[in-house]
Amino acid sequence: MASDAELEALFSALRRAPDVEARELRAWDAADRYLLDTAAPLLQGSTVAVVDDTHGALALGARTLGAERVRVHQDSLLAERAFVANAARTGTVDAEHASLDDVAVNAALVLLRLPRSLDRLDDVARSLAARMAPNAVLIAGNMLKHMTPAQNEVLGASFERVDVSLARGKARLLTARGPRLVEPRPPESMSDAELGLTVVAVPGVFAGASIDIGTRTLLQSFDDLPPFETAIDLACGSGVIASVLARRAPHARVIASDVSRIAVRSAALTAEANGVTVETVRDDGLSQQPDASADLVVLNPPFHVGAAVHTGIAHRLFSEAARVLKPGGELRVVWNTHLAYRPALERIVGPTAQRARTAKFTVTVSRRR
């Protein structure tokens, strides 16, 4: 078995993904270390499933501590790329990537970074419990600020027993045993009478099957959209905007892009429910789209990293949109007014005008220089 020194050496070598979401943060935290320390006696020679590892600390740590086989499932493409980069950087044997349906098949141990979304946790717990070995153990953890007692209850629906650890380093663990066979949770569907649109959401996608007020404010500004041959719903979530664009211009190419697996799947299901054609892409920003290839990009940017407001995500997406827009193309964005993005949009994209404003949200239109 590896020593603490070997694990410390691994952690010191880990780096965050090459993004701007939160460069000041380490690629691991106290919850990762607590999970590995607790799991260490169960790791030697075992098959381990790791779910939603943020930067690879859990999967690579499990290998370092003696796991024979590690399978990994990550919703975020950024997390997936960070894991691959850290595996190469540290020289740790790579693990296998697997779907959520396959990751825990016959696994003796599952390590899970607890999601904040209870819907996502319920969906993950049901899938894992249905495929784990009967005597397998699931150890889930996160920082205390991202945990609630409701997570215990959600896990308890899919496992016979859930034990709660003491807090350590502002982190806590939930250990679940006795997996139950529970029916999988289907996507949620809702019809919005105002828009005449059906929204379909895989559990855990932002806003679920509802339409958040920022997106609704953005959609209310669509009466003067320019004509387009190619439009992109960037950070698409459930794909509401993409489906509206596809319904508005049925002969145009409409792309829904998001870093999240569950968002991309939700966008595809929403398009199908509304009888429109949308291309769905799991992508880091717009890395798969050519320069100067789109007439229109529409964006409701995320602005949180965990529980903290962080504007770096939006600035990065503005830059991606600027690269992909044709000269004269339009970026239409909704943002929380207090974030004051207009100067950044002017600098990164081009001339920017306010299109709408409420007490909470501002909609701007930027033209690519």
Protein backbone atom coordinates (compact mmCIF):
# COMPACT_ATOMS: atom_id res chain seq x y z
CA MET A 1 0.00 0.00 0.00
CA ALA A 2 1.17 3.53 -0.78
CA SER A 3 2.36 5.76 2.03
CA ASP A 4 0.94 9.12 3.02
CA ALA A 5 4.03 10.68 1.46
CA GLU A 6 3.19 9.14 -1.92
CA LEU A 7 -0.36 10.45 -1.72
CA GLU A 8 0.89 13.91 -0.72
CA ALA A 9 3.30 13.86 -3.68
CA LEU A 10 0.40 13.00 -6.00
CA PHE A 11 -1.77 15.79 -4.63
CA SER A 12 1.01 18.36 -4.91
CA ALA A 13 1.36 17.53 -8.61
CA LEU A 14 -2.34 17.91 -9.46
CA ARG A 15 -3.45 20.98 -11.38
CA ARG A 16 -6.83 22.40 -12.25
CA ALA A 17 -8.17 22.29 -15.80
CA PRO A 18 -6.83 25.05 -18.07
CA ASP A 19 -9.92 27.17 -17.58
CA VAL A 20 -10.68 30.45 -15.83
CA GLU A 21 -13.44 29.24 -13.54
CA ALA A 22 -11.34 29.44 -10.37
CA ARG A 23 -7.64 29.30 -11.06
CA GLU A 24 -6.82 30.17 -7.49
CA LEU A 25 -8.33 26.95 -6.18
CA ARG A 26 -6.41 23.69 -5.78
CA ALA A 27 -7.26 20.63 -7.82
CA TRP A 28 -8.28 18.85 -4.60
CA ASP A 29 -9.81 19.79 -1.28
CA ALA A 30 -10.35 18.44 2.21
CA ALA A 31 -13.30 16.33 1.05
CA ASP A 32 -11.12 14.50 -1.50
CA ARG A 33 -8.51 13.76 1.17
CA TYR A 34 -11.12 12.66 3.72
CA LEU A 35 -12.71 10.32 1.13
CA LEU A 36 -9.39 8.68 0.28
CA ASP A 37 -8.25 8.35 3.89
CA THR A 38 -11.54 6.67 4.80
CA ALA A 39 -11.56 4.43 1.71
CA ALA A 40 -7.90 3.39 1.99
CA PRO A 41 -8.51 0.09 3.87
CA LEU A 42 -10.97 -0.99 1.13
CA LEU A 43 -8.92 -0.01 -1.90
CA GLN A 44 -6.12 -2.58 -2.07
CA GLY A 45 -6.72 -4.87 -5.06
CA SER A 46 -10.33 -3.76 -5.50
CA THR A 47 -12.48 -2.54 -8.39
CA VAL A 48 -13.50 1.05 -7.66
CA ALA A 49 -16.03 3.35 -9.31
CA VAL A 50 -15.48 7.11 -9.03
CA VAL A 51 -18.31 9.51 -9.90
CA ASP A 52 -18.02 13.26 -10.56
CA ASP A 53 -14.38 13.57 -9.51
CA THR A 54 -13.64 17.23 -10.14
CA HIS A 55 -10.00 17.06 -11.26
CA GLY A 56 -8.95 13.44 -10.86
CA ALA A 57 -7.82 13.49 -7.23
CA LEU A 58 -10.12 10.63 -6.23
CA ALA A 59 -9.46 8.32 -9.18
CA LEU A 60 -5.71 8.90 -9.22
CA GLY A 61 -5.55 8.72 -5.44
CA ALA A 62 -7.38 5.39 -5.48
CA ARG A 63 -4.83 4.01 -7.94
CA THR A 64 -1.97 5.31 -5.81
CA LEU A 65 -3.46 3.62 -2.74
CA GLY A 66 -3.64 0.24 -4.44
CA ALA A 67 -6.94 -0.10 -6.32
CA GLU A 68 -6.55 -2.69 -9.05
CA ARG A 69 -9.13 -1.22 -11.41
CA VAL A 70 -10.77 2.23 -11.45
CA ARG A 71 -13.73 3.25 -13.58
CA VAL A 72 -14.67 6.93 -13.77
CA HIS A 73 -17.83 8.81 -14.72
CA GLN A 74 -17.82 12.61 -14.90
CA ASP A 75 -20.71 14.80 -16.03
CA SER A 76 -18.51 17.80 -16.84
CA LEU A 77 -16.21 17.70 -19.85
CA LEU A 78 -13.87 20.11 -18.04
CA ALA A 79 -13.57 17.63 -15.17
CA GLU A 80 -12.95 14.80 -17.62
CA ARG A 81 -10.17 16.71 -19.39
CA ALA A 82 -8.64 17.73 -16.06
CA PHE A 83 -8.51 14.09 -15.00
CA VAL A 84 -6.80 13.04 -18.24
CA ALA A 85 -4.27 15.87 -17.97
CA ASN A 86 -3.50 15.09 -14.34
CA ALA A 87 -3.09 11.38 -15.09
CA ALA A 88 -0.50 12.27 -17.74
CA ARG A 89 1.17 14.86 -15.50
CA THR A 90 1.57 12.52 -12.55
CA GLY A 91 2.36 9.36 -14.50
CA THR A 92 -0.46 7.56 -12.73
CA VAL A 93 -1.98 4.67 -14.65
CA ASP A 94 -5.07 5.94 -16.43
CA ALA A 95 -8.53 4.77 -15.39
CA GLU A 96 -11.38 3.73 -17.63
CA HIS A 97 -14.12 6.20 -18.49
CA ALA A 98 -17.61 4.72 -18.32
CA SER A 99 -21.24 5.75 -18.57
CA LEU A 100 -23.24 6.23 -15.39
CA ASP A 101 -25.01 2.96 -16.21
CA ASP A 102 -21.73 1.02 -16.43
CA VAL A 103 -19.36 2.68 -13.98
CA ALA A 104 -20.40 0.73 -10.86
CA VAL A 105 -21.03 -2.71 -12.37
CA ASN A 106 -19.69 -5.22 -9.82
CA ALA A 107 -17.66 -2.51 -8.08
CA ALA A 108 -16.73 -3.25 -4.47
CA LEU A 109 -16.38 0.44 -3.65
CA VAL A 110 -17.85 3.65 -5.06
CA LEU A 111 -16.43 7.11 -4.34
CA LEU A 112 -18.81 9.98 -5.06
CA ARG A 113 -18.44 13.74 -4.89
CA LEU A 114 -21.87 14.70 -3.60
CA PRO A 115 -23.71 16.95 -6.05
CA ARG A 116 -25.57 19.93 -4.64
CA SER A 117 -28.64 19.04 -6.71
CA LEU A 118 -30.83 16.54 -4.87
CA ASP A 119 -32.38 15.49 -8.18
CA ARG A 120 -28.94 14.66 -9.54
CA LEU A 121 -28.02 12.78 -6.36
CA ASP A 122 -31.23 10.74 -6.53
CA ASP A 123 -30.60 9.84 -10.17
CA VAL A 124 -26.98 8.88 -9.51
CA ALA A 125 -27.82 6.89 -6.36
CA ARG A 126 -30.51 4.87 -8.14
CA SER A 127 -28.18 4.04 -11.01
CA LEU A 128 -25.26 3.08 -8.78
CA ALA A 129 -27.31 1.01 -6.34
CA ALA A 130 -28.84 -1.01 -9.17
CA ARG A 131 -25.40 -2.10 -10.42
CA MET A 132 -23.13 -2.31 -7.38
CA ALA A 133 -22.20 -5.64 -5.81
CA PRO A 134 -24.57 -6.52 -2.93
CA ASN A 135 -21.83 -6.08 -0.30
CA ALA A 136 -20.33 -2.97 -1.93
CA VAL A 137 -19.84 0.30 -0.08
CA LEU A 138 -20.51 3.82 -1.36
CA ILE A 139 -18.60 6.67 0.30
CA ALA A 140 -19.82 10.12 -0.69
CA GLY A 141 -18.47 13.46 0.47
CA ASN A 142 -18.18 17.16 -0.06
CA MET A 143 -17.40 20.33 1.82
CA LEU A 144 -19.93 21.16 4.53
CA LYS A 145 -21.08 24.32 2.75
CA HIS A 146 -22.37 22.14 -0.10
CA MET A 147 -24.16 19.57 2.09
CA THR A 148 -27.62 19.35 3.65
CA PRO A 149 -29.41 16.70 5.76
CA ALA A 150 -31.70 16.08 2.77
CA GLN A 151 -28.81 14.31 1.03
CA ASN A 152 -28.91 11.60 3.72
CA GLU A 153 -32.59 10.98 2.98
CA VAL A 154 -32.04 10.83 -0.77
CA LEU A 155 -29.27 8.25 -0.38
CA GLY A 156 -31.45 6.33 2.07
CA ALA A 157 -34.02 5.74 -0.66
CA SER A 158 -31.47 3.68 -2.62
CA PHE A 159 -29.48 2.09 0.24
CA GLU A 160 -30.42 0.16 3.36
CA ARG A 161 -28.10 2.10 5.65
CA VAL A 162 -26.49 5.55 5.53
CA ASP A 163 -23.93 6.59 8.16
CA VAL A 164 -22.83 10.18 8.67
CA SER A 165 -19.23 10.94 9.62
CA LEU A 166 -17.91 13.59 11.94
CA ALA A 167 -16.76 16.76 10.20
CA ARG A 168 -13.06 17.03 9.33
CA GLY A 169 -11.43 19.99 7.68
CA LYS A 170 -14.90 21.47 6.97
CA ALA A 171 -15.82 18.31 5.04
CA ARG A 172 -18.15 15.44 5.85
CA LEU A 173 -18.79 11.95 4.45
CA LEU A 174 -21.88 9.78 3.99
CA THR A 175 -21.27 6.02 3.85
CA ALA A 176 -24.04 3.94 2.26
CA ARG A 177 -24.41 0.15 2.36
CA GLY A 178 -27.00 -2.35 1.20
CA PRO A 179 -27.87 -1.16 -2.30
CA ARG A 180 -31.57 -1.42 -3.15
CA LEU A 181 -33.01 -2.09 -6.59
CA VAL A 182 -34.94 1.12 -7.25
CA GLU A 183 -36.59 2.10 -10.52
CA PRO A 184 -34.53 4.63 -12.53
CA ARG A 185 -35.75 8.19 -12.43
CA PRO A 186 -37.18 9.36 -15.78
CA PRO A 187 -36.58 12.84 -17.22
CA GLU A 188 -39.05 15.48 -16.09
CA SER A 189 -41.29 17.19 -18.64
CA MET A 190 -43.26 20.43 -18.40
CA SER A 191 -45.32 22.43 -20.90
CA ASP A 192 -44.94 26.20 -20.77
CA ALA A 193 -48.17 27.83 -21.94
CA GLU A 194 -46.63 31.28 -22.39
CA LEU A 195 -44.04 30.01 -24.86
CA GLY A 196 -46.01 27.07 -26.22
CA LEU A 197 -42.94 24.94 -25.52
CA THR A 198 -42.30 21.62 -23.79
CA VAL A 199 -39.19 21.50 -21.61
CA VAL A 200 -37.60 18.12 -20.84
CA ALA A 201 -34.96 17.86 -18.13
CA VAL A 202 -32.66 15.03 -17.09
CA PRO A 203 -32.37 15.09 -13.27
CA GLY A 204 -29.81 17.66 -12.15
CA VAL A 205 -29.85 20.01 -15.12
CA PHE A 206 -30.00 23.71 -14.24
CA ALA A 207 -33.59 24.88 -13.50
CA GLY A 208 -35.00 21.42 -14.15
CA ALA A 209 -38.01 21.41 -16.45
CA SER A 210 -38.88 25.00 -15.59
CA ILE A 211 -37.69 28.12 -17.42
CA ASP A 212 -35.54 30.27 -15.17
CA ILE A 213 -36.30 33.97 -15.05
CA GLY A 214 -33.05 34.95 -16.72
CA THR A 215 -33.80 32.78 -19.75
CA ARG A 216 -37.38 34.07 -19.84
CA THR A 217 -36.12 37.67 -19.82
CA LEU A 218 -33.75 36.83 -22.68
CA LEU A 219 -36.49 35.17 -24.72
CA GLN A 220 -38.71 38.22 -24.28
CA SER A 221 -36.10 40.21 -26.23
CA PHE A 222 -36.30 37.97 -29.31
CA ASP A 223 -38.77 40.14 -31.26
CA ASP A 224 -35.89 41.83 -33.09
CA LEU A 225 -33.53 38.90 -33.64
CA PRO A 226 -31.56 39.22 -36.89
CA PRO A 227 -31.96 36.58 -39.63
CA PHE A 228 -29.48 33.72 -39.23
CA GLU A 229 -28.25 30.65 -41.03
CA THR A 230 -26.27 29.30 -38.04
CA ALA A 231 -27.15 30.03 -34.41
CA ILE A 232 -25.68 28.65 -31.20
CA ASP A 233 -27.28 28.28 -27.78
CA LEU A 234 -24.10 28.44 -25.69
CA ALA A 235 -24.24 26.90 -22.18
CA CYS A 236 -27.59 25.54 -23.32
CA GLY A 237 -28.85 23.83 -20.15
CA SER A 238 -32.14 22.14 -21.03
CA GLY A 239 -32.02 23.61 -24.54
CA VAL A 240 -34.99 25.96 -24.27
CA ILE A 241 -33.31 28.72 -26.26
CA ALA A 242 -32.10 26.31 -28.95
CA SER A 243 -35.61 24.94 -29.46
CA VAL A 244 -37.07 28.45 -29.69
CA LEU A 245 -34.44 29.39 -32.30
CA ALA A 246 -35.06 26.20 -34.28
CA ARG A 247 -38.81 26.78 -34.27
CA ARG A 248 -38.28 30.39 -35.37
CA ALA A 249 -35.97 29.43 -38.29
CA PRO A 250 -36.66 25.78 -39.20
CA HIS A 251 -34.22 25.80 -42.13
CA ALA A 252 -31.32 27.24 -40.11
CA ARG A 253 -28.61 25.24 -38.39
CA VAL A 254 -29.10 25.49 -34.62
CA ILE A 255 -26.47 24.15 -32.22
CA ALA A 256 -26.95 23.58 -28.47
CA SER A 257 -23.60 23.39 -26.66
CA ASP A 258 -22.83 22.67 -23.02
CA VAL A 259 -20.02 21.24 -20.91
CA SER A 260 -22.46 18.94 -19.10
CA ARG A 261 -23.63 15.51 -20.26
CA ILE A 262 -27.02 15.90 -18.62
CA ALA A 263 -27.53 19.33 -20.19
CA VAL A 264 -26.74 18.04 -23.68
CA ARG A 265 -29.09 15.10 -23.23
CA SER A 266 -31.82 17.42 -21.89
CA ALA A 267 -31.42 19.75 -24.88
CA ALA A 268 -31.81 16.83 -27.29
CA LEU A 269 -34.94 15.63 -25.49
CA THR A 270 -36.42 19.14 -25.43
CA ALA A 271 -35.85 19.53 -29.18
CA GLU A 272 -37.43 16.12 -29.82
CA ALA A 273 -40.47 16.99 -27.69
CA ASN A 274 -41.03 20.15 -29.73
CA GLY A 275 -40.50 18.56 -33.13
CA VAL A 276 -37.50 20.71 -34.08
CA THR A 277 -34.01 19.88 -35.28
CA VAL A 278 -31.14 20.90 -32.99
CA GLU A 279 -27.53 19.68 -33.05
CA THR A 280 -26.36 18.94 -29.51
CA VAL A 281 -22.66 19.12 -28.62
CA ARG A 282 -20.86 18.41 -25.34
CA ASP A 283 -18.06 20.93 -25.55
CA ASP A 284 -15.70 23.11 -23.55
CA GLY A 285 -17.05 26.48 -24.62
CA LEU A 286 -17.15 26.37 -28.42
CA SER A 287 -13.87 24.55 -29.02
CA GLN A 288 -15.43 22.36 -31.71
CA GLN A 289 -16.82 25.28 -33.73
CA PRO A 290 -14.75 26.98 -36.46
CA ASP A 291 -13.77 30.63 -36.38
CA ALA A 292 -16.27 33.07 -37.95
CA SER A 293 -18.87 30.36 -38.51
CA ALA A 294 -22.01 31.60 -36.70
CA ASP A 295 -24.39 34.49 -37.33
CA LEU A 296 -25.86 34.45 -33.82
CA VAL A 297 -24.79 33.24 -30.38
CA VAL A 298 -27.25 33.40 -27.49
CA LEU A 299 -25.99 33.01 -23.94
CA ASN A 300 -27.33 32.86 -20.40
CA PRO A 301 -23.95 32.36 -18.70
CA PRO A 302 -23.45 30.55 -15.40
CA PHE A 303 -21.87 32.80 -12.81
CA HIS A 304 -21.16 30.51 -9.87
CA VAL A 305 -18.23 28.28 -8.97
CA GLY A 306 -19.69 26.20 -6.17
CA ALA A 307 -21.43 28.74 -3.95
CA ALA A 308 -19.27 31.72 -4.94
CA VAL A 309 -19.96 34.28 -7.65
CA HIS A 310 -17.21 34.11 -10.26
CA THR A 311 -17.24 36.17 -13.47
CA GLY A 312 -14.40 34.29 -15.17
CA ILE A 313 -16.76 31.72 -16.67
CA ALA A 314 -18.77 34.39 -18.48
CA HIS A 315 -15.67 36.24 -19.73
CA ARG A 316 -14.32 33.03 -21.18
CA LEU A 317 -17.62 32.29 -22.94
CA PHE A 318 -17.68 35.86 -24.32
CA SER A 319 -14.26 35.20 -25.86
CA GLU A 320 -15.43 31.92 -27.37
CA ALA A 321 -18.46 33.64 -28.88
CA ALA A 322 -16.31 36.43 -30.31
CA ARG A 323 -14.07 33.91 -32.04
CA VAL A 324 -16.93 31.92 -33.55
CA LEU A 325 -19.10 34.85 -34.67
CA LYS A 326 -18.83 36.12 -38.22
CA PRO A 327 -17.88 39.81 -38.54
CA GLY A 328 -21.07 41.71 -37.77
CA GLY A 329 -22.57 38.65 -36.06
CA GLU A 330 -24.53 39.08 -32.85
CA LEU A 331 -23.98 37.89 -29.30
CA ARG A 332 -27.14 38.27 -27.23
CA VAL A 333 -26.58 37.80 -23.49
CA VAL A 334 -28.65 38.00 -20.32
CA TRP A 335 -26.81 38.70 -17.09
CA ASN A 336 -27.41 39.69 -13.49
CA THR A 337 -27.33 43.48 -13.56
CA HIS A 338 -24.98 43.83 -10.60
CA LEU A 339 -22.25 41.93 -12.51
CA ALA A 340 -21.86 44.86 -14.96
CA TYR A 341 -20.62 42.83 -17.93
CA ARG A 342 -21.06 45.56 -20.54
CA PRO A 343 -17.46 46.88 -20.49
CA ALA A 344 -16.15 43.33 -20.87
CA LEU A 345 -18.52 42.68 -23.78
CA GLU A 346 -17.40 45.89 -25.47
CA ARG A 347 -13.76 44.91 -25.07
CA ILE A 348 -14.02 41.24 -25.97
CA VAL A 349 -16.75 41.19 -28.64
CA GLY A 350 -17.52 44.67 -29.96
CA PRO A 351 -20.07 47.51 -29.76
CA THR A 352 -22.67 46.61 -27.14
CA ALA A 353 -26.15 48.01 -26.57
CA GLN A 354 -28.66 47.36 -23.83
CA ARG A 355 -31.73 45.60 -25.19
CA ALA A 356 -33.76 45.11 -22.00
CA ARG A 357 -33.45 45.63 -18.27
CA THR A 358 -35.40 44.51 -15.23
CA ALA A 359 -34.73 44.94 -11.54
CA LYS A 360 -32.50 41.85 -11.66
CA PHE A 361 -31.45 41.17 -15.26
CA THR A 362 -29.96 43.02 -18.21
CA VAL A 363 -30.04 41.83 -21.83
CA THR A 364 -27.36 43.18 -24.18
CA VAL A 365 -26.62 42.83 -27.88
CA SER A 366 -22.97 42.87 -28.96
CA ARG A 367 -21.82 43.05 -32.59
CA ARG A 368 -18.64 41.27 -33.61
CA ARG A 369 -16.09 43.76 -34.89
